[in-house]
Amino acid sequence: MWIVCLQKYRTGYRGFIEEPENYVMFQFSRRDGLQRLSLYPRSDFRDYTHFIGMMSRFVPSNRFFPAPMELNPPDPDGFERLWRILSRPSLD
């Protein structure tokens, strides 16, 4: 599974997954596991940068990874590890 965007949400995480044909908005919690909420066909976007630009209208752009990050299996520890990577202060 490739995670492109991640943000903490009350009891888990929300974000976007990259699949071969779609970007998928998801929610993950310990109780309910991974739930797919909405599909966005990748063909609707020129590239990854275009997708980030469009979705940044609704989700802060600093919640997107510069490139998709692999997460297998999707479990609480894996999401927490990715969250720590994403929320580290940049060295810019």
C-alpha atoms as a PDB file:
ATOM      1  CA  MET A   1       0.000   0.000   0.000  1.00  0.00           C
ATOM      2  CA  TRP A   2       1.302   3.466  -0.920  1.00  0.00           C
ATOM      3  CA  ILE A   3       0.368   6.374   1.366  1.00  0.00           C
ATOM      4  CA  VAL A   4       0.482   9.839  -0.207  1.00  0.00           C
ATOM      5  CA  CYS A   5      -1.139  11.925   2.522  1.00  0.00           C
ATOM      6  CA  LEU A   6      -1.620  11.385   6.231  1.00  0.00           C
ATOM      7  CA  GLN A   7      -3.185  13.263   9.109  1.00  0.00           C
ATOM      8  CA  LYS A   8      -4.139  12.248  12.610  1.00  0.00           C
ATOM      9  CA  TYR A   9      -7.818  11.887  13.278  1.00  0.00           C
ATOM     10  CA  ARG A  10      -9.486  11.365  16.666  1.00  0.00           C
ATOM     11  CA  THR A  11      -9.021   7.595  16.940  1.00  0.00           C
ATOM     12  CA  GLY A  12      -6.697   6.983  14.044  1.00  0.00           C
ATOM     13  CA  TYR A  13      -5.630   8.484  10.741  1.00  0.00           C
ATOM     14  CA  ARG A  14      -7.074   9.845   7.511  1.00  0.00           C
ATOM     15  CA  GLY A  15      -5.374  10.435   4.231  1.00  0.00           C
ATOM     16  CA  PHE A  16      -4.926   9.256   0.663  1.00  0.00           C
ATOM     17  CA  ILE A  17      -3.651   6.002  -0.779  1.00  0.00           C
ATOM     18  CA  GLU A  18      -2.228   5.671  -4.283  1.00  0.00           C
ATOM     19  CA  GLU A  19      -3.537   2.657  -6.208  1.00  0.00           C
ATOM     20  CA  PRO A  20      -2.883   1.784  -9.864  1.00  0.00           C
ATOM     21  CA  GLU A  21      -6.082   3.445 -11.125  1.00  0.00           C
ATOM     22  CA  ASN A  22      -7.177   5.708  -8.257  1.00  0.00           C
ATOM     23  CA  TYR A  23      -6.225   7.902  -5.381  1.00  0.00           C
ATOM     24  CA  VAL A  24      -8.338   6.752  -2.440  1.00  0.00           C
ATOM     25  CA  MET A  25      -9.330   8.801   0.584  1.00  0.00           C
ATOM     26  CA  PHE A  26      -9.197   6.507   3.616  1.00  0.00           C
ATOM     27  CA  GLN A  27      -9.728   6.408   7.336  1.00  0.00           C
ATOM     28  CA  PHE A  28      -7.927   3.996   9.653  1.00  0.00           C
ATOM     29  CA  SER A  29      -8.719   3.169  13.273  1.00  0.00           C
ATOM     30  CA  ARG A  30      -7.797   0.296  15.567  1.00  0.00           C
ATOM     31  CA  ARG A  31     -11.439  -0.670  15.933  1.00  0.00           C
ATOM     32  CA  ASP A  32     -12.538  -0.490  12.286  1.00  0.00           C
ATOM     33  CA  GLY A  33      -9.278  -0.974  10.413  1.00  0.00           C
ATOM     34  CA  LEU A  34      -8.883   0.574   6.968  1.00  0.00           C
ATOM     35  CA  GLN A  35     -11.981   2.049   5.343  1.00  0.00           C
ATOM     36  CA  ARG A  36     -12.028   3.498   1.842  1.00  0.00           C
ATOM     37  CA  LEU A  37     -14.113   6.677   1.793  1.00  0.00           C
ATOM     38  CA  SER A  38     -13.806   8.189  -1.725  1.00  0.00           C
ATOM     39  CA  LEU A  39     -12.153   7.379  -5.047  1.00  0.00           C
ATOM     40  CA  TYR A  40     -10.430   9.899  -7.320  1.00  0.00           C
ATOM     41  CA  PRO A  41      -9.378   8.500 -10.732  1.00  0.00           C
ATOM     42  CA  ARG A  42      -5.692   9.107 -11.333  1.00  0.00           C
ATOM     43  CA  SER A  43      -6.534   9.899 -14.953  1.00  0.00           C
ATOM     44  CA  ASP A  44      -8.236  13.097 -13.704  1.00  0.00           C
ATOM     45  CA  PHE A  45      -4.817  14.485 -12.705  1.00  0.00           C
ATOM     46  CA  ARG A  46      -1.753  15.270 -14.834  1.00  0.00           C
ATOM     47  CA  ASP A  47       0.608  13.834 -12.229  1.00  0.00           C
ATOM     48  CA  TYR A  48       1.240  13.496  -8.492  1.00  0.00           C
ATOM     49  CA  THR A  49       2.044  17.204  -8.136  1.00  0.00           C
ATOM     50  CA  HIS A  50      -1.255  18.140  -9.778  1.00  0.00           C
ATOM     51  CA  PHE A  51      -3.135  15.826  -7.389  1.00  0.00           C
ATOM     52  CA  ILE A  52      -1.437  17.436  -4.370  1.00  0.00           C
ATOM     53  CA  GLY A  53      -2.222  20.905  -5.698  1.00  0.00           C
ATOM     54  CA  MET A  54      -5.891  20.089  -6.150  1.00  0.00           C
ATOM     55  CA  MET A  55      -6.321  18.277  -2.831  1.00  0.00           C
ATOM     56  CA  SER A  56      -4.417  20.995  -0.950  1.00  0.00           C
ATOM     57  CA  ARG A  57      -7.592  23.032  -1.220  1.00  0.00           C
ATOM     58  CA  PHE A  58      -9.100  20.650   1.339  1.00  0.00           C
ATOM     59  CA  VAL A  59      -6.094  19.147   3.148  1.00  0.00           C
ATOM     60  CA  PRO A  60      -3.008  21.090   4.302  1.00  0.00           C
ATOM     61  CA  SER A  61      -0.213  20.571   1.784  1.00  0.00           C
ATOM     62  CA  ASN A  62       2.257  19.696   4.565  1.00  0.00           C
ATOM     63  CA  ARG A  63       0.292  16.479   5.140  1.00  0.00           C
ATOM     64  CA  PHE A  64       1.387  15.105   1.732  1.00  0.00           C
ATOM     65  CA  PHE A  65       4.597  13.143   1.364  1.00  0.00           C
ATOM     66  CA  PRO A  66       7.027  14.369  -1.339  1.00  0.00           C
ATOM     67  CA  ALA A  67       6.692  10.877  -2.840  1.00  0.00           C
ATOM     68  CA  PRO A  68       4.342   8.033  -1.866  1.00  0.00           C
ATOM     69  CA  MET A  69       5.513   6.012   1.147  1.00  0.00           C
ATOM     70  CA  GLU A  70       5.055   2.250   1.324  1.00  0.00           C
ATOM     71  CA  LEU A  71       3.085   0.808   4.250  1.00  0.00           C
ATOM     72  CA  ASN A  72       2.642  -2.966   4.484  1.00  0.00           C
ATOM     73  CA  PRO A  73       0.663  -4.096   6.320  1.00  0.00           C
ATOM     74  CA  PRO A  74      -1.551  -1.121   7.252  1.00  0.00           C
ATOM     75  CA  ASP A  75      -1.387  -1.349  11.042  1.00  0.00           C
ATOM     76  CA  PRO A  76      -1.288   1.167  13.916  1.00  0.00           C
ATOM     77  CA  ASP A  77       2.500   0.937  14.318  1.00  0.00           C
ATOM     78  CA  GLY A  78       3.075   1.557  10.617  1.00  0.00           C
ATOM     79  CA  PHE A  79       0.781   4.570  10.544  1.00  0.00           C
ATOM     80  CA  GLU A  80       2.483   5.985  13.648  1.00  0.00           C
ATOM     81  CA  ARG A  81       5.913   5.508  12.040  1.00  0.00           C
ATOM     82  CA  LEU A  82       4.794   7.391   8.905  1.00  0.00           C
ATOM     83  CA  TRP A  83       3.191  10.115  11.032  1.00  0.00           C
ATOM     84  CA  ARG A  84       6.500  10.672  12.856  1.00  0.00           C
ATOM     85  CA  ILE A  85       8.298  10.983   9.501  1.00  0.00           C
ATOM     86  CA  LEU A  86       5.736  13.464   8.187  1.00  0.00           C
ATOM     87  CA  SER A  87       5.605  15.605  11.319  1.00  0.00           C
ATOM     88  CA  ARG A  88       9.400  15.974  11.713  1.00  0.00           C
ATOM     89  CA  PRO A  89      10.540  19.557  11.316  1.00  0.00           C
ATOM     90  CA  SER A  90      12.184  20.103   7.950  1.00  0.00           C
ATOM     91  CA  LEU A  91      15.834  21.097   7.715  1.00  0.00           C
ATOM     92  CA  ASP A  92      15.195  23.745   5.062  1.00  0.00           C
END
